[in-house]
Amino acid sequence: MLSPDRIREIAMCCLQALAHLHRRGVCIRDLKPANLLVRRPGGEVVVADLGLATRSDTGGRLEDQVWAGTVRYVAPEATAQGRCAGKQQQAPRHLPPGFQPEHKPGKPPVLTVKVDVFALAASLRQCAGWLSHGEGWEAGVPADLRAFLDHLAEANPARRPTARRALQHPFLLPA
C-alpha cells in the first residue's frame, strides 16, 4: 500500500502531464497503473502509452466520442448507451452495481478530457491498494486523501475537475 505522501507525488506528476496534454488537445483514454512508469524507485512518474489517444477541441470535447481503453478505469459517462469500444462492456469494478451516469434520456453525455481525470482516480485507488468503492474501502484512508480521490472520481463529469483544476485541490497544496 502506498503512503498518502507517495500518492500525492504520483497525482502531481500525472495531473501535470494530463494538464499539459489536454492543453495541447490530446486525451489519453487509456490511463491506468500499467501506463504510469516510475523513472527510479520513489522517483518521478511518467505517463506512457498514447496508443488510444484522441484529439480534443479547445473546450475539451473529444473528437472521437466512442470510449476506448481498459474497462476498470472507464469514466461513467463513457459507459452510457453502449459507447465502450471493444468486447468488454460490463460495469467497471469501481462503480456501484446498477450505476447510471447523469445525462438526458436518449442523448448520451459528451465525452471530454475529464475521462482521463476519472481514470487517474481509479488508478490511484488501485495503486494505493483500494480496488473498489465497495464497503469499507475508506477504512484507514486519511480524510483529505479520500476527499481528493472522490473529487477526481466525481460521477457527474460537469462537477469533475479538469486536470488543471485538480492541481489546485487542497490535498496537493503544500502544508
Protein backbone atom coordinates (compact mmCIF):
# COMPACT_ATOMS: atom_id res chain seq x y z
CA MET A 1 0.00 0.00 0.00
CA LEU A 2 1.40 3.39 -0.97
CA SER A 3 1.57 6.18 1.57
CA PRO A 4 -0.60 9.28 1.16
CA ASP A 5 2.60 11.29 0.52
CA ARG A 6 3.62 8.98 -2.36
CA ILE A 7 0.08 9.11 -3.76
CA ARG A 8 0.32 12.92 -3.62
CA GLU A 9 3.61 12.83 -5.59
CA ILE A 10 2.18 10.46 -8.20
CA ALA A 11 -1.00 12.52 -8.51
CA MET A 12 1.00 15.73 -9.00
CA CYS A 13 3.16 14.18 -11.76
CA CYS A 14 0.16 12.67 -13.53
CA LEU A 15 -2.08 15.74 -13.27
CA GLN A 16 0.72 17.97 -14.58
CA ALA A 17 1.18 15.59 -17.53
CA LEU A 18 -2.58 15.45 -18.17
CA ALA A 19 -2.93 19.23 -17.97
CA HIS A 20 -0.06 19.56 -20.48
CA LEU A 21 -1.59 17.05 -22.90
CA HIS A 22 -5.12 18.40 -22.53
CA ARG A 23 -3.94 21.99 -23.26
CA ARG A 24 -2.47 20.61 -26.48
CA GLY A 25 -5.71 18.86 -27.46
CA VAL A 26 -4.74 15.28 -26.54
CA CYS A 27 -6.78 12.88 -24.39
CA ILE A 28 -5.11 9.60 -23.39
CA ARG A 29 -8.31 7.48 -22.93
CA ASP A 30 -6.32 4.54 -21.51
CA LEU A 31 -4.75 5.90 -18.34
CA LYS A 32 -4.11 3.06 -15.89
CA PRO A 33 -1.38 1.93 -13.47
CA ALA A 34 0.37 -0.11 -16.18
CA ASN A 35 0.82 3.14 -18.14
CA LEU A 36 2.38 5.03 -15.22
CA LEU A 37 6.11 4.46 -15.36
CA VAL A 38 8.43 5.25 -12.44
CA ARG A 39 11.84 6.54 -13.53
CA ARG A 40 13.50 5.08 -10.42
CA PRO A 41 12.21 3.77 -7.06
CA GLY A 42 10.41 6.63 -5.37
CA GLY A 43 11.09 8.82 -8.40
CA GLU A 44 9.14 10.81 -10.92
CA VAL A 45 6.17 9.14 -12.60
CA VAL A 46 5.80 9.39 -16.36
CA VAL A 47 2.54 8.81 -18.25
CA ALA A 48 3.14 6.40 -21.13
CA ASP A 49 1.29 4.65 -23.97
CA LEU A 50 -0.72 7.11 -26.00
CA GLY A 51 -1.81 4.41 -28.45
CA LEU A 52 -5.54 5.03 -27.86
CA ALA A 53 -5.23 8.80 -27.53
CA THR A 54 -7.60 11.06 -29.43
CA ARG A 55 -7.78 14.76 -30.19
CA SER A 56 -9.96 17.21 -28.30
CA ASP A 57 -11.19 20.67 -29.13
CA THR A 58 -10.38 23.80 -27.12
CA GLY A 59 -13.34 23.08 -24.81
CA GLY A 60 -12.03 19.58 -24.06
CA ARG A 61 -14.65 17.72 -26.14
CA LEU A 62 -13.23 14.55 -27.68
CA GLU A 63 -13.27 14.26 -31.47
CA ASP A 64 -13.88 10.52 -31.15
CA GLN A 65 -16.99 10.09 -29.00
CA VAL A 66 -16.52 6.33 -28.59
CA TRP A 67 -14.59 5.49 -25.46
CA ALA A 68 -11.66 3.11 -25.81
CA GLY A 69 -9.41 1.78 -23.10
CA THR A 70 -9.42 -0.51 -20.10
CA VAL A 71 -12.85 -1.08 -18.57
CA ARG A 72 -11.69 -0.95 -14.94
CA TYR A 73 -10.73 2.73 -15.39
CA VAL A 74 -13.62 3.93 -17.56
CA ALA A 75 -15.49 7.11 -16.61
CA PRO A 76 -19.22 6.57 -16.05
CA GLU A 77 -20.27 8.84 -18.92
CA ALA A 78 -18.37 6.61 -21.35
CA THR A 79 -20.48 3.61 -20.40
CA ALA A 80 -23.73 5.37 -21.32
CA GLN A 81 -25.71 3.70 -24.09
CA GLY A 82 -23.05 1.19 -25.13
CA ARG A 83 -20.38 3.73 -26.04
CA CYS A 84 -17.48 1.50 -24.99
CA ALA A 85 -15.49 0.14 -27.89
CA GLY A 86 -14.32 -3.45 -27.73
CA LYS A 87 -15.65 -6.73 -26.36
CA GLN A 88 -15.79 -5.95 -22.63
CA GLN A 89 -18.83 -3.85 -21.78
CA GLN A 90 -19.51 -4.92 -18.19
CA ALA A 91 -19.71 -2.31 -15.44
CA PRO A 92 -16.30 -1.31 -14.13
CA ARG A 93 -15.45 -2.63 -10.64
CA HIS A 94 -15.06 0.84 -9.16
CA LEU A 95 -18.71 1.78 -9.86
CA PRO A 96 -21.61 0.65 -7.70
CA PRO A 97 -23.91 -2.05 -9.17
CA GLY A 98 -26.67 -0.54 -11.29
CA PHE A 99 -24.87 2.82 -11.58
CA GLN A 100 -26.32 5.13 -14.21
CA PRO A 101 -24.47 8.31 -15.17
CA GLU A 102 -26.40 11.58 -15.11
CA HIS A 103 -27.49 12.58 -18.60
CA LYS A 104 -30.58 13.41 -20.59
CA PRO A 105 -32.55 10.32 -21.67
CA GLY A 106 -31.94 9.40 -25.29
CA LYS A 107 -28.86 11.58 -25.55
CA PRO A 108 -25.52 10.27 -24.28
CA PRO A 109 -23.28 12.72 -22.45
CA VAL A 110 -20.46 14.35 -24.38
CA LEU A 111 -17.07 12.78 -23.70
CA THR A 112 -14.36 15.23 -22.67
CA VAL A 113 -10.77 15.11 -21.45
CA LYS A 114 -12.22 14.65 -17.95
CA VAL A 115 -12.37 10.90 -18.70
CA ASP A 116 -8.61 10.93 -18.07
CA VAL A 117 -9.10 12.54 -14.64
CA PHE A 118 -11.59 9.84 -13.65
CA ALA A 119 -9.19 7.14 -14.86
CA LEU A 120 -6.42 8.70 -12.76
CA ALA A 121 -8.62 8.47 -9.64
CA ALA A 122 -9.33 4.79 -10.31
CA SER A 123 -5.61 4.21 -10.94
CA LEU A 124 -4.55 5.95 -7.74
CA ARG A 125 -7.05 3.90 -5.75
CA GLN A 126 -5.61 0.74 -7.22
CA CYS A 127 -2.01 1.85 -6.63
CA ALA A 128 -2.92 2.51 -3.02
CA GLY A 129 -4.50 -0.93 -2.65
CA TRP A 130 -8.15 0.16 -2.80
CA LEU A 131 -9.61 -1.72 -5.73
CA SER A 132 -13.22 -0.67 -5.48
CA HIS A 133 -15.75 1.66 -3.99
CA GLY A 134 -17.01 -1.38 -2.09
CA GLU A 135 -17.90 -1.35 1.54
CA GLY A 136 -15.05 -0.44 3.83
CA TRP A 137 -12.61 0.84 1.21
CA GLU A 138 -12.28 4.07 3.20
CA ALA A 139 -11.00 2.34 6.36
CA GLY A 140 -7.66 3.84 7.27
CA VAL A 141 -7.67 6.31 4.39
CA PRO A 142 -6.95 9.87 5.58
CA ALA A 143 -9.95 12.17 5.07
CA ASP A 144 -8.02 14.63 2.87
CA LEU A 145 -6.88 11.87 0.53
CA ARG A 146 -10.37 10.35 0.39
CA ALA A 147 -11.85 13.78 -0.45
CA PHE A 148 -9.27 14.27 -3.19
CA LEU A 149 -9.90 10.88 -4.82
CA ASP A 150 -13.67 11.32 -4.54
CA HIS A 151 -13.34 14.72 -6.24
CA LEU A 152 -11.37 13.24 -9.15
CA ALA A 153 -13.82 10.33 -9.42
CA GLU A 154 -16.95 12.50 -9.41
CA ALA A 155 -19.56 10.56 -11.39
CA ASN A 156 -21.03 13.67 -12.98
CA PRO A 157 -18.49 15.00 -15.50
CA ALA A 158 -19.90 18.53 -15.13
CA ARG A 159 -18.74 18.51 -11.49
CA ARG A 160 -15.49 16.58 -12.07
CA PRO A 161 -12.44 18.85 -12.27
CA THR A 162 -10.15 19.22 -15.22
CA ALA A 163 -6.56 18.13 -14.63
CA ARG A 164 -5.51 21.77 -14.35
CA ARG A 165 -8.23 22.49 -11.78
CA ALA A 166 -7.44 19.32 -9.82
CA LEU A 167 -3.89 20.60 -9.29
CA GLN A 168 -5.44 23.26 -7.03
CA HIS A 169 -7.08 20.74 -4.68
CA PRO A 170 -6.08 21.27 -1.02
CA PHE A 171 -4.67 17.73 -0.79
CA LEU A 172 -1.96 18.70 -3.30
CA LEU A 173 -1.11 22.10 -1.86
CA PRO A 174 1.94 22.44 0.39
CA ALA A 175 1.14 22.28 4.09
